[in-house]
């Protein structure tokens, strides 16, 4: 029952936000009582803390899998990131009904004034761990010779993390997923044009630089 409650709460929080999701709504969706929801979680903040923690943990795990895979290219990492975003977007949008919220992280950031300090810390943790994973991925592209040793890794990472963090609002503003995908691919095309094969430097220098960046990222 706890998992069912959290699943329904996750969907309601994404669709309606903090103020639009109540124990009564959850109880109605599960054909149970408010008392049962209180029995399992006590109060609304306790439920939301656990929902956000589970969602962030699962999201970080997916991005970590994508960005720390040393066998995939930067292009493949962007493809996998787009696919993950599209998967979640498709859970709340259709080809004929677009522009709905689909990211719990984005939605809860918009309701930050209502969240507990624990929930806010979890949301901040997501941004930090995402940055670490993306840094490892970009440094890996450097060591494989996909990117030149002149690549400003920090600047590249900041841009990727910004797109990921803004993915929800981008699709809502555009009322489609195409704008988000275009942004990811525009970033990749621009980065590769500036620092890709044409600007490639000797692999030994790139490998040394990337190992230093990975050490810094994993020590954060």
C-alpha atoms as a PDB file:
ATOM      1  CA  UNK A   1       0.000   0.000   0.000  1.00  0.00           C
ATOM      2  CA  UNK A   2       2.858   2.408   0.769  1.00  0.00           C
ATOM      3  CA  UNK A   3       4.180   2.026  -2.779  1.00  0.00           C
ATOM      4  CA  UNK A   4       0.710   2.543  -4.261  1.00  0.00           C
ATOM      5  CA  UNK A   5       0.247   5.682  -2.188  1.00  0.00           C
ATOM      6  CA  UNK A   6       3.613   7.053  -3.328  1.00  0.00           C
ATOM      7  CA  UNK A   7       2.862   6.242  -6.978  1.00  0.00           C
ATOM      8  CA  UNK A   8      -0.456   8.099  -6.885  1.00  0.00           C
ATOM      9  CA  UNK A   9       1.075  10.967  -4.912  1.00  0.00           C
ATOM     10  CA  UNK A  10       3.869  11.302  -7.475  1.00  0.00           C
ATOM     11  CA  UNK A  11       1.405  11.615 -10.354  1.00  0.00           C
ATOM     12  CA  UNK A  12      -0.812  14.084  -8.484  1.00  0.00           C
ATOM     13  CA  UNK A  13       2.140  16.230  -7.415  1.00  0.00           C
ATOM     14  CA  UNK A  14       3.387  16.410 -11.004  1.00  0.00           C
ATOM     15  CA  UNK A  15      -0.055  17.240 -12.383  1.00  0.00           C
ATOM     16  CA  UNK A  16      -1.346  19.577  -9.660  1.00  0.00           C
ATOM     17  CA  UNK A  17       1.622  20.677  -7.573  1.00  0.00           C
ATOM     18  CA  UNK A  18       1.984  20.707  -3.789  1.00  0.00           C
ATOM     19  CA  UNK A  19      -1.229  22.578  -3.042  1.00  0.00           C
ATOM     20  CA  UNK A  20      -3.312  20.605  -5.522  1.00  0.00           C
ATOM     21  CA  UNK A  21      -2.550  17.157  -4.115  1.00  0.00           C
ATOM     22  CA  UNK A  22      -4.259  16.217  -0.862  1.00  0.00           C
ATOM     23  CA  UNK A  23      -4.620  13.066   1.203  1.00  0.00           C
ATOM     24  CA  UNK A  24      -8.267  13.093   0.169  1.00  0.00           C
ATOM     25  CA  UNK A  25      -7.314  13.020  -3.522  1.00  0.00           C
ATOM     26  CA  UNK A  26      -4.920  10.141  -2.943  1.00  0.00           C
ATOM     27  CA  UNK A  27      -7.460   8.220  -0.882  1.00  0.00           C
ATOM     28  CA  UNK A  28     -10.115   8.680  -3.570  1.00  0.00           C
ATOM     29  CA  UNK A  29      -7.769   7.453  -6.321  1.00  0.00           C
ATOM     30  CA  UNK A  30      -6.956   4.333  -4.292  1.00  0.00           C
ATOM     31  CA  UNK A  31     -10.523   3.751  -2.999  1.00  0.00           C
ATOM     32  CA  UNK A  32      -9.285   3.934   0.570  1.00  0.00           C
ATOM     33  CA  UNK A  33      -9.558   6.375   3.470  1.00  0.00           C
ATOM     34  CA  UNK A  34      -7.572   9.442   4.502  1.00  0.00           C
ATOM     35  CA  UNK A  35      -6.934   7.684   7.804  1.00  0.00           C
ATOM     36  CA  UNK A  36      -5.113   4.942   5.899  1.00  0.00           C
ATOM     37  CA  UNK A  37      -2.847   7.485   4.211  1.00  0.00           C
ATOM     38  CA  UNK A  38      -2.136   9.075   7.605  1.00  0.00           C
ATOM     39  CA  UNK A  39      -1.426   5.637   9.072  1.00  0.00           C
ATOM     40  CA  UNK A  40       1.331   4.993   6.529  1.00  0.00           C
ATOM     41  CA  UNK A  41       2.895   8.463   6.347  1.00  0.00           C
ATOM     42  CA  UNK A  42       1.639  10.571   9.242  1.00  0.00           C
ATOM     43  CA  UNK A  43       1.489  13.919   7.467  1.00  0.00           C
ATOM     44  CA  UNK A  44       1.764  15.452   4.011  1.00  0.00           C
ATOM     45  CA  UNK A  45       5.348  16.621   4.335  1.00  0.00           C
ATOM     46  CA  UNK A  46       6.522  13.161   5.393  1.00  0.00           C
ATOM     47  CA  UNK A  47       4.854  11.641   2.331  1.00  0.00           C
ATOM     48  CA  UNK A  48       6.261  14.259  -0.025  1.00  0.00           C
ATOM     49  CA  UNK A  49       9.759  13.904   1.424  1.00  0.00           C
ATOM     50  CA  UNK A  50       9.727  10.193   0.663  1.00  0.00           C
ATOM     51  CA  UNK A  51       8.195  10.691  -2.792  1.00  0.00           C
ATOM     52  CA  UNK A  52      10.826  13.277  -3.757  1.00  0.00           C
ATOM     53  CA  UNK A  53      13.651  11.169  -2.337  1.00  0.00           C
ATOM     54  CA  UNK A  54      12.548   8.093  -4.320  1.00  0.00           C
ATOM     55  CA  UNK A  55      12.027  10.079  -7.524  1.00  0.00           C
ATOM     56  CA  UNK A  56      15.372  11.880  -7.272  1.00  0.00           C
ATOM     57  CA  UNK A  57      17.192   8.641  -6.454  1.00  0.00           C
ATOM     58  CA  UNK A  58      15.720   6.902  -9.519  1.00  0.00           C
ATOM     59  CA  UNK A  59      16.463   9.903 -11.740  1.00  0.00           C
ATOM     60  CA  UNK A  60      20.061  10.208 -10.556  1.00  0.00           C
ATOM     61  CA  UNK A  61      20.561   6.486 -11.134  1.00  0.00           C
ATOM     62  CA  UNK A  62      19.371   6.775 -14.744  1.00  0.00           C
ATOM     63  CA  UNK A  63      21.552   9.791 -15.500  1.00  0.00           C
ATOM     64  CA  UNK A  64      24.533   8.199 -13.765  1.00  0.00           C
ATOM     65  CA  UNK A  65      24.076   5.088 -15.918  1.00  0.00           C
ATOM     66  CA  UNK A  66      23.967   7.226 -19.061  1.00  0.00           C
ATOM     67  CA  UNK A  67      26.776   9.689 -18.354  1.00  0.00           C
ATOM     68  CA  UNK A  68      29.352   7.473 -16.649  1.00  0.00           C
ATOM     69  CA  UNK A  69      29.210   4.756 -19.319  1.00  0.00           C
ATOM     70  CA  UNK A  70      32.688   4.960 -20.808  1.00  0.00           C
ATOM     71  CA  UNK A  71      31.671   2.811 -23.784  1.00  0.00           C
ATOM     72  CA  UNK A  72      29.150   5.275 -25.220  1.00  0.00           C
ATOM     73  CA  UNK A  73      29.959   8.391 -27.222  1.00  0.00           C
ATOM     74  CA  UNK A  74      28.876  11.901 -26.305  1.00  0.00           C
ATOM     75  CA  UNK A  75      26.303  11.702 -29.090  1.00  0.00           C
ATOM     76  CA  UNK A  76      24.932   8.458 -27.634  1.00  0.00           C
ATOM     77  CA  UNK A  77      24.770  10.029 -24.176  1.00  0.00           C
ATOM     78  CA  UNK A  78      22.713  12.909 -25.542  1.00  0.00           C
ATOM     79  CA  UNK A  79      20.474  10.424 -27.389  1.00  0.00           C
ATOM     80  CA  UNK A  80      19.924   8.474 -24.143  1.00  0.00           C
ATOM     81  CA  UNK A  81      19.190  11.668 -22.210  1.00  0.00           C
ATOM     82  CA  UNK A  82      16.625  12.716 -24.808  1.00  0.00           C
ATOM     83  CA  UNK A  83      15.049   9.249 -24.695  1.00  0.00           C
ATOM     84  CA  UNK A  84      14.767   9.365 -20.894  1.00  0.00           C
ATOM     85  CA  UNK A  85      13.163  12.818 -20.988  1.00  0.00           C
ATOM     86  CA  UNK A  86      10.796  11.702 -23.759  1.00  0.00           C
ATOM     87  CA  UNK A  87       9.804   8.628 -21.750  1.00  0.00           C
ATOM     88  CA  UNK A  88       8.764  10.742 -18.792  1.00  0.00           C
ATOM     89  CA  UNK A  89       7.213  13.432 -20.965  1.00  0.00           C
ATOM     90  CA  UNK A  90       5.073  10.771 -22.666  1.00  0.00           C
ATOM     91  CA  UNK A  91       3.646   9.688 -19.334  1.00  0.00           C
ATOM     92  CA  UNK A  92       1.739  12.968 -19.052  1.00  0.00           C
ATOM     93  CA  UNK A  93       1.491  14.215 -22.647  1.00  0.00           C
ATOM     94  CA  UNK A  94       0.277  12.906 -25.980  1.00  0.00           C
ATOM     95  CA  UNK A  95       0.801  14.015 -29.611  1.00  0.00           C
ATOM     96  CA  UNK A  96      -2.528  15.864 -29.483  1.00  0.00           C
ATOM     97  CA  UNK A  97      -2.449  17.071 -25.864  1.00  0.00           C
ATOM     98  CA  UNK A  98       0.878  18.698 -24.989  1.00  0.00           C
ATOM     99  CA  UNK A  99       2.364  21.195 -22.586  1.00  0.00           C
ATOM    100  CA  UNK A 100       1.570  19.377 -19.335  1.00  0.00           C
ATOM    101  CA  UNK A 101       4.040  19.115 -16.433  1.00  0.00           C
ATOM    102  CA  UNK A 102       5.884  15.796 -16.397  1.00  0.00           C
ATOM    103  CA  UNK A 103       8.900  16.271 -14.113  1.00  0.00           C
ATOM    104  CA  UNK A 104       8.421  16.032 -10.360  1.00  0.00           C
ATOM    105  CA  UNK A 105      11.747  17.782  -9.814  1.00  0.00           C
ATOM    106  CA  UNK A 106      10.739  20.809 -11.892  1.00  0.00           C
ATOM    107  CA  UNK A 107       7.254  20.914 -10.374  1.00  0.00           C
ATOM    108  CA  UNK A 108       8.515  20.757  -6.793  1.00  0.00           C
ATOM    109  CA  UNK A 109      11.106  23.456  -7.441  1.00  0.00           C
ATOM    110  CA  UNK A 110       8.191  25.669  -8.392  1.00  0.00           C
ATOM    111  CA  UNK A 111       6.579  24.891  -5.022  1.00  0.00           C
ATOM    112  CA  UNK A 112       9.796  25.293  -3.008  1.00  0.00           C
ATOM    113  CA  UNK A 113       8.184  27.728  -0.572  1.00  0.00           C
ATOM    114  CA  UNK A 114       5.914  24.912   0.636  1.00  0.00           C
ATOM    115  CA  UNK A 115       8.512  22.166   0.976  1.00  0.00           C
ATOM    116  CA  UNK A 116      10.354  20.993   4.067  1.00  0.00           C
ATOM    117  CA  UNK A 117      14.076  21.598   4.450  1.00  0.00           C
ATOM    118  CA  UNK A 118      14.676  17.894   3.832  1.00  0.00           C
ATOM    119  CA  UNK A 119      12.858  17.997   0.486  1.00  0.00           C
ATOM    120  CA  UNK A 120      14.735  21.128  -0.561  1.00  0.00           C
ATOM    121  CA  UNK A 121      18.043  19.453   0.309  1.00  0.00           C
ATOM    122  CA  UNK A 122      17.086  16.442  -1.817  1.00  0.00           C
ATOM    123  CA  UNK A 123      16.346  18.668  -4.806  1.00  0.00           C
ATOM    124  CA  UNK A 124      19.719  20.391  -4.388  1.00  0.00           C
ATOM    125  CA  UNK A 125      21.374  16.993  -4.157  1.00  0.00           C
ATOM    126  CA  UNK A 126      19.948  16.103  -7.566  1.00  0.00           C
ATOM    127  CA  UNK A 127      21.629  19.075  -9.228  1.00  0.00           C
ATOM    128  CA  UNK A 128      24.939  18.254  -7.564  1.00  0.00           C
ATOM    129  CA  UNK A 129      24.919  14.563  -8.476  1.00  0.00           C
ATOM    130  CA  UNK A 130      23.791  15.307 -12.020  1.00  0.00           C
ATOM    131  CA  UNK A 131      26.724  17.690 -12.408  1.00  0.00           C
ATOM    132  CA  UNK A 132      29.156  15.043 -11.171  1.00  0.00           C
ATOM    133  CA  UNK A 133      27.843  12.388 -13.586  1.00  0.00           C
ATOM    134  CA  UNK A 134      27.871  14.744 -16.580  1.00  0.00           C
ATOM    135  CA  UNK A 135      31.400  15.891 -15.733  1.00  0.00           C
ATOM    136  CA  UNK A 136      32.593  12.281 -15.804  1.00  0.00           C
ATOM    137  CA  UNK A 137      30.845  11.780 -19.153  1.00  0.00           C
ATOM    138  CA  UNK A 138      32.342  14.870 -20.776  1.00  0.00           C
ATOM    139  CA  UNK A 139      35.798  14.068 -19.400  1.00  0.00           C
ATOM    140  CA  UNK A 140      35.443  10.598 -20.878  1.00  0.00           C
ATOM    141  CA  UNK A 141      34.726  12.109 -24.290  1.00  0.00           C
ATOM    142  CA  UNK A 142      37.930  14.106 -23.881  1.00  0.00           C
ATOM    143  CA  UNK A 143      39.997  11.016 -23.027  1.00  0.00           C
ATOM    144  CA  UNK A 144      38.594   9.094 -26.017  1.00  0.00           C
ATOM    145  CA  UNK A 145      39.543  11.922 -28.383  1.00  0.00           C
ATOM    146  CA  UNK A 146      35.960  12.922 -29.196  1.00  0.00           C
ATOM    147  CA  UNK A 147      36.721  16.366 -27.807  1.00  0.00           C
ATOM    148  CA  UNK A 148      39.957  18.332 -27.971  1.00  0.00           C
ATOM    149  CA  UNK A 149      42.061  19.064 -24.904  1.00  0.00           C
ATOM    150  CA  UNK A 150      41.099  22.729 -25.378  1.00  0.00           C
ATOM    151  CA  UNK A 151      37.484  21.925 -24.462  1.00  0.00           C
ATOM    152  CA  UNK A 152      36.267  24.029 -21.503  1.00  0.00           C
ATOM    153  CA  UNK A 153      34.802  21.051 -19.656  1.00  0.00           C
ATOM    154  CA  UNK A 154      33.182  23.138 -16.930  1.00  0.00           C
ATOM    155  CA  UNK A 155      31.369  25.302 -19.474  1.00  0.00           C
ATOM    156  CA  UNK A 156      30.157  22.259 -21.425  1.00  0.00           C
ATOM    157  CA  UNK A 157      28.911  20.584 -18.244  1.00  0.00           C
ATOM    158  CA  UNK A 158      27.089  23.725 -17.083  1.00  0.00           C
ATOM    159  CA  UNK A 159      25.179  23.870 -20.377  1.00  0.00           C
ATOM    160  CA  UNK A 160      24.130  20.209 -20.302  1.00  0.00           C
ATOM    161  CA  UNK A 161      23.042  20.422 -16.669  1.00  0.00           C
ATOM    162  CA  UNK A 162      21.080  23.604 -17.408  1.00  0.00           C
ATOM    163  CA  UNK A 163      19.168  21.912 -20.222  1.00  0.00           C
ATOM    164  CA  UNK A 164      18.386  18.855 -18.083  1.00  0.00           C
ATOM    165  CA  UNK A 165      17.277  21.031 -15.154  1.00  0.00           C
ATOM    166  CA  UNK A 166      15.070  23.162 -17.428  1.00  0.00           C
ATOM    167  CA  UNK A 167      13.643  20.300 -19.492  1.00  0.00           C
ATOM    168  CA  UNK A 168      10.194  20.448 -17.912  1.00  0.00           C
ATOM    169  CA  UNK A 169       9.608  24.204 -18.302  1.00  0.00           C
ATOM    170  CA  UNK A 170      11.026  24.099 -21.861  1.00  0.00           C
ATOM    171  CA  UNK A 171       8.429  21.564 -23.035  1.00  0.00           C
ATOM    172  CA  UNK A 172       5.640  23.373 -21.209  1.00  0.00           C
ATOM    173  CA  UNK A 173       6.511  26.720 -22.765  1.00  0.00           C
ATOM    174  CA  UNK A 174       6.810  25.203 -26.245  1.00  0.00           C
ATOM    175  CA  UNK A 175       3.824  22.858 -25.739  1.00  0.00           C
ATOM    176  CA  UNK A 176       5.806  20.116 -27.448  1.00  0.00           C
ATOM    177  CA  UNK A 177       8.848  17.899 -26.963  1.00  0.00           C
ATOM    178  CA  UNK A 178      10.512  18.929 -30.231  1.00  0.00           C
ATOM    179  CA  UNK A 179      11.873  22.186 -28.798  1.00  0.00           C
ATOM    180  CA  UNK A 180      13.707  20.340 -26.024  1.00  0.00           C
ATOM    181  CA  UNK A 181      15.192  17.800 -28.424  1.00  0.00           C
ATOM    182  CA  UNK A 182      16.278  20.613 -30.739  1.00  0.00           C
ATOM    183  CA  UNK A 183      18.044  22.328 -27.843  1.00  0.00           C
ATOM    184  CA  UNK A 184      19.957  19.181 -26.875  1.00  0.00           C
ATOM    185  CA  UNK A 185      21.056  18.585 -30.459  1.00  0.00           C
ATOM    186  CA  UNK A 186      21.925  22.239 -31.041  1.00  0.00           C
ATOM    187  CA  UNK A 187      24.145  22.113 -27.974  1.00  0.00           C
ATOM    188  CA  UNK A 188      25.832  18.931 -29.237  1.00  0.00           C
ATOM    189  CA  UNK A 189      26.324  20.274 -32.760  1.00  0.00           C
ATOM    190  CA  UNK A 190      27.805  23.537 -31.483  1.00  0.00           C
ATOM    191  CA  UNK A 191      30.126  21.778 -29.047  1.00  0.00           C
ATOM    192  CA  UNK A 192      31.380  19.299 -31.643  1.00  0.00           C
ATOM    193  CA  UNK A 193      31.874  22.045 -34.221  1.00  0.00           C
ATOM    194  CA  UNK A 194      34.011  23.995 -31.760  1.00  0.00           C
ATOM    195  CA  UNK A 195      35.876  21.213 -29.975  1.00  0.00           C
ATOM    196  CA  UNK A 196      35.244  17.989 -31.904  1.00  0.00           C
ATOM    197  CA  UNK A 197      37.334  16.095 -34.445  1.00  0.00           C
ATOM    198  CA  UNK A 198      38.554  19.196 -36.300  1.00  0.00           C
ATOM    199  CA  UNK A 199      40.056  20.607 -33.125  1.00  0.00           C
ATOM    200  CA  UNK A 200      41.327  17.307 -31.734  1.00  0.00           C
ATOM    201  CA  UNK A 201      44.605  17.298 -29.798  1.00  0.00           C
ATOM    202  CA  UNK A 202      46.932  14.355 -28.997  1.00  0.00           C
ATOM    203  CA  UNK A 203      45.135  11.724 -26.934  1.00  0.00           C
ATOM    204  CA  UNK A 204      47.816  11.613 -24.226  1.00  0.00           C
ATOM    205  CA  UNK A 205      47.200  15.243 -23.257  1.00  0.00           C
ATOM    206  CA  UNK A 206      43.433  14.739 -23.370  1.00  0.00           C
ATOM    207  CA  UNK A 207      43.625  11.650 -21.153  1.00  0.00           C
ATOM    208  CA  UNK A 208      45.683  13.457 -18.517  1.00  0.00           C
ATOM    209  CA  UNK A 209      43.299  16.408 -18.453  1.00  0.00           C
ATOM    210  CA  UNK A 210      40.201  14.224 -18.247  1.00  0.00           C
ATOM    211  CA  UNK A 211      41.560  12.140 -15.359  1.00  0.00           C
ATOM    212  CA  UNK A 212      42.152  15.316 -13.375  1.00  0.00           C
ATOM    213  CA  UNK A 213      38.593  16.507 -14.034  1.00  0.00           C
ATOM    214  CA  UNK A 214      37.105  13.138 -13.032  1.00  0.00           C
ATOM    215  CA  UNK A 215      39.062  13.193  -9.761  1.00  0.00           C
ATOM    216  CA  UNK A 216      37.689  16.650  -8.975  1.00  0.00           C
ATOM    217  CA  UNK A 217      34.118  15.642  -9.871  1.00  0.00           C
ATOM    218  CA  UNK A 218      34.080  12.481  -7.775  1.00  0.00           C
ATOM    219  CA  UNK A 219      35.537  14.302  -4.767  1.00  0.00           C
ATOM    220  CA  UNK A 220      32.598  16.748  -4.623  1.00  0.00           C
END
